[in-house]
Structure formats: structure tokens, C-alpha cells
Amino acid sequence: MVPESQQKGRLYGLTDLGELAYERVALDQEAEVTVVDDGEFPAPELTSELQEAYGDALRAVAWCEPVQTRIRFFEQSLLDRYDEDTVKTLVATLTNEEAIDQPLEDLPIGGPVLVAFAIDNTLIVRVPLDDGVKLLVSLDASIDVTLNELRDSCRQMSAVALDS
């Protein structure tokens, strides 16, 4: 028999992935996710530029600050399809840098300048901006896109919002 205190110790002595899961759950509870219109988005010129460049393939853009995320959806069906808990979990998971970014930052190659995910026939690109802000750009997975151009446009068009 193992004493209960040791059993709990083993339970809470988590692997790295287990710790990330707990952090993600904590972020889910902390992060405020708000669906906004174009005028309420922190960088409306960015959403206009992305809409012009990618047209109907642009599905959503999320401006992710440490405790607040504002999402602009371009397709009404997405609002109907995903509930708030799903959106919060998705945002918290995709913006969590510990699994990918931090281990790579210590290597000579450095951390990623963007990270792309393919989920549910969607390409979601995480673009880190200044001041701890991350941008998630969601595009239809069938679009032909140059990721570096997408990253550069996001950084240029969001610079005004970050400076204010």
C-alpha cells in the first residue's frame, strides 16, 4: 500500500505535457474572449487589408493579449458553429508558447517567427507581435498563401495599434 500523500504527489508530479494542459485550463478560465465588429477590433486597418488580400478565404482574426482576446469573424456560420468554450480553448492552446517557442529559443536557430496550424479545414497562423500580443489569422485551408508575406503584412498593419 502507498500512503495517500504519496499517491497525490505522483498525481501532481506532472510531465511537461501535463503541466501545459493545466496551464491551458488556467488560461481558459482567465482569458476574456470577446467577439467584435470591425470598428471594435484593435487594428481595423489590418482586418481591412487582410479581407482585401484574402477575400472569402479569410475566416477570422483574433487579437490576443495576455488576458483579453478580441475576435473578428468574417463568416457568420463560424459564430453559429463554435461555442464560447471551444473558442476559448482554441485560443488558449494556439497562443501557448511554452510547448513550441520556449524550447526552440534556447537553440542557435532561435524561436519561430510564426506558427501555422491546420484544424478543421482551416489554416490558422499565429503571428507574434510586440508587447506580448499575438495575432491568430484563420484562413480557408485550400488558399494558396505565402506565410512570410502574411506575417509581414500583419506586423506592418498592427504597428499603429501597438504604438497607441
N, C-alpha and C. Protein backbone atom coordinates (compact mmCIF):
# COMPACT_ATOMS: atom_id res chain seq x y z
N MET A 1 0.83 -1.19 0.00
CA MET A 1 0.00 0.00 0.00
C MET A 1 0.88 1.25 0.00
N VAL A 2 0.43 2.22 -0.75
CA VAL A 2 1.13 3.50 -0.81
C VAL A 2 0.27 4.54 -0.09
N PRO A 3 0.89 5.28 0.83
CA PRO A 3 0.10 6.30 1.53
C PRO A 3 -0.54 7.29 0.56
N GLU A 4 -1.69 7.82 0.99
CA GLU A 4 -2.45 8.74 0.14
C GLU A 4 -1.61 9.96 -0.26
N SER A 5 -0.79 10.47 0.65
CA SER A 5 0.01 11.65 0.34
C SER A 5 0.98 11.38 -0.81
N GLN A 6 1.55 10.16 -0.85
CA GLN A 6 2.45 9.81 -1.96
C GLN A 6 1.68 9.64 -3.26
N GLN A 7 0.48 9.09 -3.17
CA GLN A 7 -0.34 8.95 -4.38
C GLN A 7 -0.63 10.32 -4.97
N LYS A 8 -1.00 11.27 -4.11
CA LYS A 8 -1.27 12.63 -4.59
C LYS A 8 -0.01 13.25 -5.17
N GLY A 9 1.12 12.99 -4.53
CA GLY A 9 2.38 13.52 -5.04
C GLY A 9 2.67 13.03 -6.44
N ARG A 10 2.42 11.75 -6.68
CA ARG A 10 2.62 11.20 -8.02
C ARG A 10 1.63 11.79 -9.00
N LEU A 11 0.41 11.98 -8.54
CA LEU A 11 -0.60 12.55 -9.42
C LEU A 11 -0.23 13.97 -9.85
N TYR A 12 0.32 14.73 -8.91
CA TYR A 12 0.62 16.12 -9.22
C TYR A 12 2.03 16.31 -9.75
N GLY A 13 2.86 15.28 -9.73
CA GLY A 13 4.18 15.36 -10.33
C GLY A 13 4.02 15.14 -11.83
N LEU A 14 3.58 16.17 -12.52
CA LEU A 14 3.15 16.04 -13.91
C LEU A 14 4.32 16.05 -14.89
N THR A 15 4.07 15.46 -16.02
CA THR A 15 5.01 15.58 -17.13
C THR A 15 4.88 16.98 -17.70
N ASP A 16 5.78 17.34 -18.60
CA ASP A 16 5.71 18.66 -19.24
C ASP A 16 4.37 18.85 -19.94
N LEU A 17 3.89 17.82 -20.62
CA LEU A 17 2.61 17.94 -21.32
C LEU A 17 1.46 18.10 -20.34
N GLY A 18 1.55 17.42 -19.20
CA GLY A 18 0.52 17.57 -18.18
C GLY A 18 0.50 18.97 -17.61
N GLU A 19 1.68 19.54 -17.39
CA GLU A 19 1.75 20.91 -16.89
C GLU A 19 1.17 21.88 -17.91
N LEU A 20 1.47 21.66 -19.19
CA LEU A 20 0.90 22.51 -20.24
C LEU A 20 -0.61 22.43 -20.26
N ALA A 21 -1.13 21.24 -20.05
CA ALA A 21 -2.59 21.07 -20.04
C ALA A 21 -3.20 21.86 -18.88
N TYR A 22 -2.57 21.79 -17.71
CA TYR A 22 -3.08 22.55 -16.57
C TYR A 22 -2.99 24.06 -16.83
N GLU A 23 -1.88 24.50 -17.42
CA GLU A 23 -1.75 25.92 -17.75
C GLU A 23 -2.81 26.35 -18.74
N ARG A 24 -3.08 25.51 -19.73
CA ARG A 24 -4.09 25.83 -20.73
C ARG A 24 -5.47 25.98 -20.08
N VAL A 25 -5.79 25.08 -19.15
CA VAL A 25 -7.07 25.17 -18.45
C VAL A 25 -7.13 26.45 -17.63
N ALA A 26 -6.02 26.79 -16.97
CA ALA A 26 -5.99 28.03 -16.20
C ALA A 26 -6.17 29.24 -17.11
N LEU A 27 -5.53 29.23 -18.26
CA LEU A 27 -5.69 30.32 -19.22
C LEU A 27 -7.12 30.40 -19.73
N ASP A 28 -7.73 29.25 -19.96
CA ASP A 28 -9.13 29.23 -20.40
C ASP A 28 -10.01 29.98 -19.41
N GLN A 29 -9.72 29.78 -18.13
CA GLN A 29 -10.55 30.41 -17.11
C GLN A 29 -10.25 31.90 -16.98
N GLU A 30 -9.00 32.31 -17.25
CA GLU A 30 -8.60 33.70 -17.10
C GLU A 30 -8.93 34.55 -18.31
N ALA A 31 -8.69 34.04 -19.49
CA ALA A 31 -8.78 34.84 -20.70
C ALA A 31 -10.22 35.24 -20.99
N GLU A 32 -10.37 36.50 -21.30
CA GLU A 32 -11.67 37.02 -21.71
C GLU A 32 -11.68 37.06 -23.23
N VAL A 33 -12.62 36.37 -23.83
CA VAL A 33 -12.73 36.33 -25.29
C VAL A 33 -13.98 37.09 -25.69
N THR A 34 -13.79 38.09 -26.55
CA THR A 34 -14.89 38.94 -26.98
C THR A 34 -14.97 38.94 -28.50
N VAL A 35 -16.15 38.70 -29.02
CA VAL A 35 -16.38 38.80 -30.47
C VAL A 35 -16.70 40.26 -30.76
N VAL A 36 -15.97 40.85 -31.71
CA VAL A 36 -16.12 42.28 -32.00
C VAL A 36 -16.44 42.51 -33.47
N ASP A 37 -16.95 43.71 -33.75
CA ASP A 37 -17.14 44.16 -35.12
C ASP A 37 -15.85 44.83 -35.57
N ASP A 38 -15.80 45.21 -36.85
CA ASP A 38 -14.59 45.79 -37.40
C ASP A 38 -14.15 47.04 -36.64
N GLY A 39 -15.08 47.91 -36.27
CA GLY A 39 -14.73 49.14 -35.58
C GLY A 39 -14.19 48.93 -34.18
N GLU A 40 -14.47 47.79 -33.56
CA GLU A 40 -14.01 47.50 -32.21
C GLU A 40 -12.71 46.71 -32.18
N PHE A 41 -12.27 46.25 -33.33
CA PHE A 41 -11.02 45.48 -33.41
C PHE A 41 -9.86 46.46 -33.19
N PRO A 42 -8.83 46.08 -32.43
CA PRO A 42 -7.73 47.00 -32.13
C PRO A 42 -7.00 47.55 -33.37
N ALA A 43 -7.00 46.80 -34.46
CA ALA A 43 -6.33 47.25 -35.68
C ALA A 43 -7.27 47.06 -36.87
N PRO A 44 -8.29 47.95 -37.01
CA PRO A 44 -9.26 47.76 -38.09
C PRO A 44 -8.64 47.81 -39.48
N GLU A 45 -7.57 48.58 -39.63
CA GLU A 45 -6.89 48.64 -40.93
C GLU A 45 -6.28 47.28 -41.29
N LEU A 46 -5.88 46.53 -40.28
CA LEU A 46 -5.34 45.19 -40.52
C LEU A 46 -6.43 44.27 -41.05
N THR A 47 -7.59 44.28 -40.44
CA THR A 47 -8.67 43.39 -40.91
C THR A 47 -9.11 43.78 -42.32
N SER A 48 -9.12 45.08 -42.61
CA SER A 48 -9.49 45.53 -43.96
C SER A 48 -8.47 45.05 -44.99
N GLU A 49 -7.20 45.18 -44.65
CA GLU A 49 -6.12 44.75 -45.55
C GLU A 49 -6.18 43.23 -45.78
N LEU A 50 -6.38 42.48 -44.71
CA LEU A 50 -6.46 41.02 -44.85
C LEU A 50 -7.68 40.61 -45.67
N GLN A 51 -8.79 41.30 -45.46
CA GLN A 51 -10.00 40.99 -46.21
C GLN A 51 -9.80 41.28 -47.70
N GLU A 52 -9.11 42.36 -47.99
CA GLU A 52 -8.83 42.70 -49.38
C GLU A 52 -7.88 41.68 -50.01
N ALA A 53 -6.88 41.25 -49.26
CA ALA A 53 -5.88 40.32 -49.79
C ALA A 53 -6.41 38.90 -49.94
N TYR A 54 -7.25 38.44 -49.00
CA TYR A 54 -7.64 37.03 -48.98
C TYR A 54 -9.13 36.79 -49.25
N GLY A 55 -9.91 37.85 -49.34
CA GLY A 55 -11.32 37.74 -49.72
C GLY A 55 -12.11 36.76 -48.87
N ASP A 56 -12.87 35.90 -49.54
CA ASP A 56 -13.74 34.95 -48.84
C ASP A 56 -12.97 33.86 -48.09
N ALA A 57 -11.67 33.73 -48.35
CA ALA A 57 -10.88 32.72 -47.65
C ALA A 57 -10.56 33.13 -46.21
N LEU A 58 -10.69 34.43 -45.90
CA LEU A 58 -10.44 34.91 -44.55
C LEU A 58 -11.63 34.56 -43.67
N ARG A 59 -11.38 33.80 -42.62
CA ARG A 59 -12.47 33.35 -41.76
C ARG A 59 -12.57 34.15 -40.46
N ALA A 60 -11.42 34.43 -39.84
CA ALA A 60 -11.43 35.17 -38.57
C ALA A 60 -10.04 35.70 -38.28
N VAL A 61 -10.00 36.74 -37.46
CA VAL A 61 -8.73 37.29 -36.97
C VAL A 61 -8.91 37.52 -35.47
N ALA A 62 -7.94 37.05 -34.69
CA ALA A 62 -8.00 37.22 -33.23
C ALA A 62 -6.79 38.02 -32.76
N TRP A 63 -7.05 39.05 -31.99
CA TRP A 63 -6.01 39.88 -31.37
C TRP A 63 -5.91 39.40 -29.93
N CYS A 64 -4.82 38.72 -29.60
CA CYS A 64 -4.69 38.03 -28.31
C CYS A 64 -3.69 38.74 -27.40
N GLU A 65 -4.20 39.38 -26.39
CA GLU A 65 -3.38 39.99 -25.35
C GLU A 65 -3.33 39.00 -24.19
N PRO A 66 -2.45 39.21 -23.21
CA PRO A 66 -2.33 38.21 -22.14
C PRO A 66 -3.64 37.82 -21.44
N VAL A 67 -4.55 38.77 -21.20
CA VAL A 67 -5.79 38.40 -20.51
C VAL A 67 -7.05 38.75 -21.29
N GLN A 68 -6.89 39.25 -22.50
CA GLN A 68 -8.07 39.58 -23.30
C GLN A 68 -7.81 39.25 -24.76
N THR A 69 -8.81 38.65 -25.38
CA THR A 69 -8.74 38.33 -26.81
C THR A 69 -9.97 38.90 -27.49
N ARG A 70 -9.73 39.60 -28.59
CA ARG A 70 -10.84 40.12 -29.39
C ARG A 70 -10.80 39.44 -30.75
N ILE A 71 -11.93 38.88 -31.13
CA ILE A 71 -12.01 38.12 -32.38
C ILE A 71 -12.99 38.79 -33.32
N ARG A 72 -12.55 38.93 -34.55
CA ARG A 72 -13.42 39.45 -35.62
C ARG A 72 -13.68 38.30 -36.57
N PHE A 73 -14.93 37.84 -36.63
CA PHE A 73 -15.32 36.77 -37.55
C PHE A 73 -15.79 37.38 -38.87
N PHE A 74 -15.43 36.74 -39.97
CA PHE A 74 -15.83 37.20 -41.29
C PHE A 74 -16.87 36.28 -41.91
N GLU A 75 -17.21 35.24 -41.19
CA GLU A 75 -18.17 34.26 -41.68
C GLU A 75 -19.16 33.95 -40.55
N GLN A 76 -20.41 34.32 -40.74
CA GLN A 76 -21.43 34.15 -39.71
C GLN A 76 -21.57 32.70 -39.25
N SER A 77 -21.38 31.76 -40.16
CA SER A 77 -21.55 30.35 -39.80
C SER A 77 -20.56 29.91 -38.73
N LEU A 78 -19.40 30.57 -38.65
CA LEU A 78 -18.43 30.22 -37.62
C LEU A 78 -18.95 30.59 -36.23
N LEU A 79 -19.62 31.72 -36.16
CA LEU A 79 -20.21 32.13 -34.88
C LEU A 79 -21.24 31.12 -34.41
N ASP A 80 -21.99 30.58 -35.35
CA ASP A 80 -23.02 29.60 -35.01
C ASP A 80 -22.41 28.23 -34.70
N ARG A 81 -21.28 27.94 -35.31
CA ARG A 81 -20.69 26.60 -35.22
C ARG A 81 -19.91 26.37 -33.93
N TYR A 82 -19.18 27.38 -33.46
CA TYR A 82 -18.30 27.21 -32.31
C TYR A 82 -18.85 27.94 -31.09
N ASP A 83 -18.97 27.22 -29.97
CA ASP A 83 -19.44 27.86 -28.75
C ASP A 83 -18.27 28.58 -28.06
N GLU A 84 -18.58 29.34 -27.05
CA GLU A 84 -17.58 30.16 -26.37
C GLU A 84 -16.47 29.32 -25.75
N ASP A 85 -16.81 28.18 -25.15
CA ASP A 85 -15.78 27.33 -24.54
C ASP A 85 -14.81 26.79 -25.58
N THR A 86 -15.33 26.41 -26.74
CA THR A 86 -14.47 25.91 -27.81
C THR A 86 -13.51 27.00 -28.27
N VAL A 87 -14.02 28.20 -28.45
CA VAL A 87 -13.19 29.33 -28.90
C VAL A 87 -12.13 29.64 -27.86
N LYS A 88 -12.51 29.69 -26.58
CA LYS A 88 -11.54 29.99 -25.52
C LYS A 88 -10.44 28.93 -25.46
N THR A 89 -10.81 27.67 -25.55
CA THR A 89 -9.82 26.59 -25.51
C THR A 89 -8.90 26.66 -26.72
N LEU A 90 -9.46 26.91 -27.88
CA LEU A 90 -8.66 27.03 -29.10
C LEU A 90 -7.66 28.17 -28.99
N VAL A 91 -8.12 29.33 -28.56
CA VAL A 91 -7.24 30.50 -28.43
C VAL A 91 -6.15 30.22 -27.40
N ALA A 92 -6.52 29.70 -26.23
CA ALA A 92 -5.53 29.44 -25.18
C ALA A 92 -4.49 28.42 -25.64
N THR A 93 -4.91 27.42 -26.37
CA THR A 93 -3.99 26.38 -26.83
C THR A 93 -3.06 26.92 -27.91
N LEU A 94 -3.61 27.63 -28.89
CA LEU A 94 -2.80 28.10 -30.01
C LEU A 94 -1.88 29.25 -29.64
N THR A 95 -2.19 29.98 -28.58
CA THR A 95 -1.31 31.08 -28.18
C THR A 95 -0.31 30.67 -27.10
N ASN A 96 -0.40 29.45 -26.60
CA ASN A 96 0.52 28.96 -25.58
C ASN A 96 1.88 28.70 -26.22
N GLU A 97 2.86 29.49 -25.82
CA GLU A 97 4.19 29.42 -26.44
C GLU A 97 5.10 28.39 -25.80
N GLU A 98 4.74 27.89 -24.65
CA GLU A 98 5.67 27.03 -23.91
C GLU A 98 5.97 25.72 -24.61
N ALA A 99 5.03 25.17 -25.32
CA ALA A 99 5.24 23.86 -25.96
C ALA A 99 6.20 23.95 -27.14
N ILE A 100 6.14 25.03 -27.89
CA ILE A 100 6.93 25.12 -29.12
C ILE A 100 8.02 26.18 -29.01
N ASP A 101 7.63 27.39 -28.67
CA ASP A 101 8.54 28.52 -28.75
C ASP A 101 9.68 28.47 -27.75
N GLN A 102 9.37 28.27 -26.48
CA GLN A 102 10.40 28.36 -25.45
C GLN A 102 11.51 27.33 -25.62
N PRO A 103 11.22 26.06 -25.92
CA PRO A 103 12.33 25.12 -26.11
C PRO A 103 13.23 25.51 -27.30
N LEU A 104 12.64 26.10 -28.33
CA LEU A 104 13.42 26.46 -29.51
C LEU A 104 14.25 27.73 -29.31
N GLU A 105 13.80 28.62 -28.44
CA GLU A 105 14.51 29.88 -28.23
C GLU A 105 15.92 29.67 -27.70
N ASP A 106 16.15 28.57 -26.99
CA ASP A 106 17.47 28.30 -26.44
C ASP A 106 18.43 27.72 -27.47
N LEU A 107 17.93 27.32 -28.61
CA LEU A 107 18.76 26.74 -29.66
C LEU A 107 19.37 27.84 -30.53
N PRO A 108 20.46 27.54 -31.22
CA PRO A 108 21.08 28.54 -32.10
C PRO A 108 20.14 29.04 -33.21
N ILE A 109 19.14 28.24 -33.58
CA ILE A 109 18.24 28.66 -34.65
C ILE A 109 17.20 29.66 -34.16
N GLY A 110 16.97 29.74 -32.87
CA GLY A 110 16.01 30.69 -32.31
C GLY A 110 14.58 30.22 -32.40
N GLY A 111 13.71 31.01 -31.82
CA GLY A 111 12.28 30.67 -31.78
C GLY A 111 11.60 30.95 -33.10
N PRO A 112 10.38 30.46 -33.25
CA PRO A 112 9.65 30.64 -34.50
C PRO A 112 9.19 32.09 -34.70
N VAL A 113 9.14 32.51 -35.96
CA VAL A 113 8.64 33.84 -36.30
C VAL A 113 7.15 33.79 -36.61
N LEU A 114 6.64 32.58 -36.81
CA LEU A 114 5.21 32.33 -36.94
C LEU A 114 5.01 30.84 -36.78
N VAL A 115 3.79 30.47 -36.42
CA VAL A 115 3.45 29.06 -36.28
C VAL A 115 2.12 28.85 -37.00
N ALA A 116 2.05 27.82 -37.83
CA ALA A 116 0.82 27.53 -38.58
C ALA A 116 0.22 26.22 -38.09
N PHE A 117 -1.09 26.21 -37.97
CA PHE A 117 -1.85 25.03 -37.56
C PHE A 117 -2.90 24.75 -38.62
N ALA A 118 -3.15 23.49 -38.89
CA ALA A 118 -4.25 23.11 -39.78
C ALA A 118 -5.28 22.37 -38.93
N ILE A 119 -6.45 22.98 -38.77
CA ILE A 119 -7.50 22.42 -37.92
C ILE A 119 -8.83 22.60 -38.63
N ASP A 120 -9.60 21.53 -38.75
CA ASP A 120 -10.97 21.62 -39.25
C ASP A 120 -11.06 22.35 -40.59
N ASN A 121 -10.25 21.93 -41.57
CA ASN A 121 -10.20 22.54 -42.90
C ASN A 121 -9.87 24.03 -42.86
N THR A 122 -9.10 24.40 -41.86
CA THR A 122 -8.72 25.79 -41.67
C THR A 122 -7.23 25.88 -41.42
N LEU A 123 -6.60 26.90 -41.99
CA LEU A 123 -5.21 27.21 -41.70
C LEU A 123 -5.24 28.36 -40.70
N ILE A 124 -4.66 28.14 -39.53
CA ILE A 124 -4.58 29.19 -38.52
C ILE A 124 -3.11 29.52 -38.32
N VAL A 125 -2.78 30.78 -38.51
CA VAL A 125 -1.39 31.23 -38.40
C VAL A 125 -1.27 32.12 -37.18
N ARG A 126 -0.33 31.76 -36.29
CA ARG A 126 -0.05 32.59 -35.11
C ARG A 126 1.14 33.48 -35.42
N VAL A 127 0.92 34.78 -35.37
CA VAL A 127 1.97 35.75 -35.64
C VAL A 127 2.25 36.51 -34.35
N PRO A 128 3.44 36.35 -33.76
CA PRO A 128 3.75 37.11 -32.55
C PRO A 128 4.03 38.57 -32.92
N LEU A 129 3.42 39.48 -32.17
CA LEU A 129 3.65 40.91 -32.35
C LEU A 129 4.42 41.41 -31.14
N ASP A 130 4.55 42.70 -30.98
CA ASP A 130 5.25 43.26 -29.83
C ASP A 130 4.35 43.26 -28.59
N ASP A 131 4.96 43.51 -27.44
CA ASP A 131 4.23 43.69 -26.18
C ASP A 131 3.39 42.48 -25.77
N GLY A 132 3.80 41.27 -26.13
CA GLY A 132 3.08 40.07 -25.73
C GLY A 132 1.79 39.82 -26.48
N VAL A 133 1.54 40.60 -27.52
CA VAL A 133 0.33 40.42 -28.33
C VAL A 133 0.61 39.37 -29.40
N LYS A 134 -0.37 38.50 -29.60
CA LYS A 134 -0.27 37.51 -30.67
C LYS A 134 -1.49 37.67 -31.55
N LEU A 135 -1.29 37.45 -32.82
CA LEU A 135 -2.38 37.54 -33.78
C LEU A 135 -2.64 36.14 -34.31
N LEU A 136 -3.89 35.73 -34.33
CA LEU A 136 -4.28 34.47 -34.96
C LEU A 136 -5.09 34.82 -36.20
N VAL A 137 -4.62 34.38 -37.36
CA VAL A 137 -5.32 34.63 -38.62
C VAL A 137 -5.82 33.29 -39.13
N SER A 138 -7.13 33.20 -39.32
CA SER A 138 -7.76 31.96 -39.76
C SER A 138 -8.18 32.10 -41.22
N LEU A 139 -7.67 31.19 -42.05
CA LEU A 139 -7.96 31.18 -43.48
C LEU A 139 -8.49 29.82 -43.89
N ASP A 140 -9.25 29.78 -44.97
CA ASP A 140 -9.68 28.51 -45.53
C ASP A 140 -8.42 27.72 -45.90
N ALA A 141 -8.38 26.45 -45.58
CA ALA A 141 -7.18 25.63 -45.78
C ALA A 141 -6.80 25.47 -47.25
N SER A 142 -7.72 25.69 -48.16
CA SER A 142 -7.42 25.50 -49.58
C SER A 142 -6.74 26.71 -50.22
N ILE A 143 -6.56 27.79 -49.47
CA ILE A 143 -5.98 29.00 -50.05
C ILE A 143 -4.49 28.83 -50.30
N ASP A 144 -4.02 29.45 -51.36
CA ASP A 144 -2.59 29.47 -51.68
C ASP A 144 -2.03 30.75 -51.08
N VAL A 145 -1.23 30.62 -50.04
CA VAL A 145 -0.75 31.79 -49.31
C VAL A 145 0.74 31.66 -49.03
N THR A 146 1.44 32.79 -49.10
CA THR A 146 2.84 32.83 -48.70
C THR A 146 2.86 33.32 -47.25
N LEU A 147 3.28 32.45 -46.36
CA LEU A 147 3.19 32.75 -44.93
C LEU A 147 4.03 33.94 -44.51
N ASN A 148 5.21 34.10 -45.10
CA ASN A 148 6.05 35.24 -44.73
C ASN A 148 5.39 36.56 -45.13
N GLU A 149 4.71 36.59 -46.27
CA GLU A 149 4.00 37.81 -46.68
C GLU A 149 2.85 38.10 -45.72
N LEU A 150 2.14 37.06 -45.31
CA LEU A 150 1.05 37.22 -44.34
C LEU A 150 1.60 37.78 -43.04
N ARG A 151 2.68 37.21 -42.55
CA ARG A 151 3.31 37.68 -41.31
C ARG A 151 3.73 39.14 -41.42
N ASP A 152 4.40 39.49 -42.52
CA ASP A 152 4.88 40.86 -42.69
C ASP A 152 3.73 41.86 -42.74
N SER A 153 2.66 41.53 -43.47
CA SER A 153 1.51 42.45 -43.53
C SER A 153 0.89 42.61 -42.15
N CYS A 154 0.77 41.52 -41.41
CA CYS A 154 0.18 41.59 -40.06
C CYS A 154 1.01 42.50 -39.17
N ARG A 155 2.31 42.36 -39.23
CA ARG A 155 3.18 43.17 -38.38
C ARG A 155 3.13 44.64 -38.78
N GLN A 156 3.16 44.92 -40.08
CA GLN A 156 3.12 46.31 -40.53
C GLN A 156 1.79 46.97 -40.17
N MET A 157 0.70 46.29 -40.45
CA MET A 157 -0.62 46.89 -40.25
C MET A 157 -1.00 46.98 -38.77
N SER A 158 -0.39 46.18 -37.92
CA SER A 158 -0.72 46.23 -36.49
C SER A 158 0.19 47.18 -35.72
N ALA A 159 1.25 47.66 -36.35
CA ALA A 159 2.20 48.53 -35.67
C ALA A 159 1.53 49.79 -35.13
N VAL A 160 0.59 50.35 -35.88
CA VAL A 160 -0.11 51.56 -35.44
C VAL A 160 -0.88 51.29 -34.16
N ALA A 161 -1.59 50.18 -34.11
CA ALA A 161 -2.38 49.85 -32.92
C ALA A 161 -1.48 49.59 -31.71
N LEU A 162 -0.32 48.99 -31.94
CA LEU A 162 0.58 48.69 -30.83
C LEU A 162 1.26 49.95 -30.30
N ASP A 163 1.47 50.93 -31.17
CA ASP A 163 2.12 52.18 -30.75
C ASP A 163 1.20 53.07 -29.92
N SER A 164 -0.10 52.87 -30.06
CA SER A 164 -1.04 53.75 -29.34
C SER A 164 -1.30 53.27 -27.94
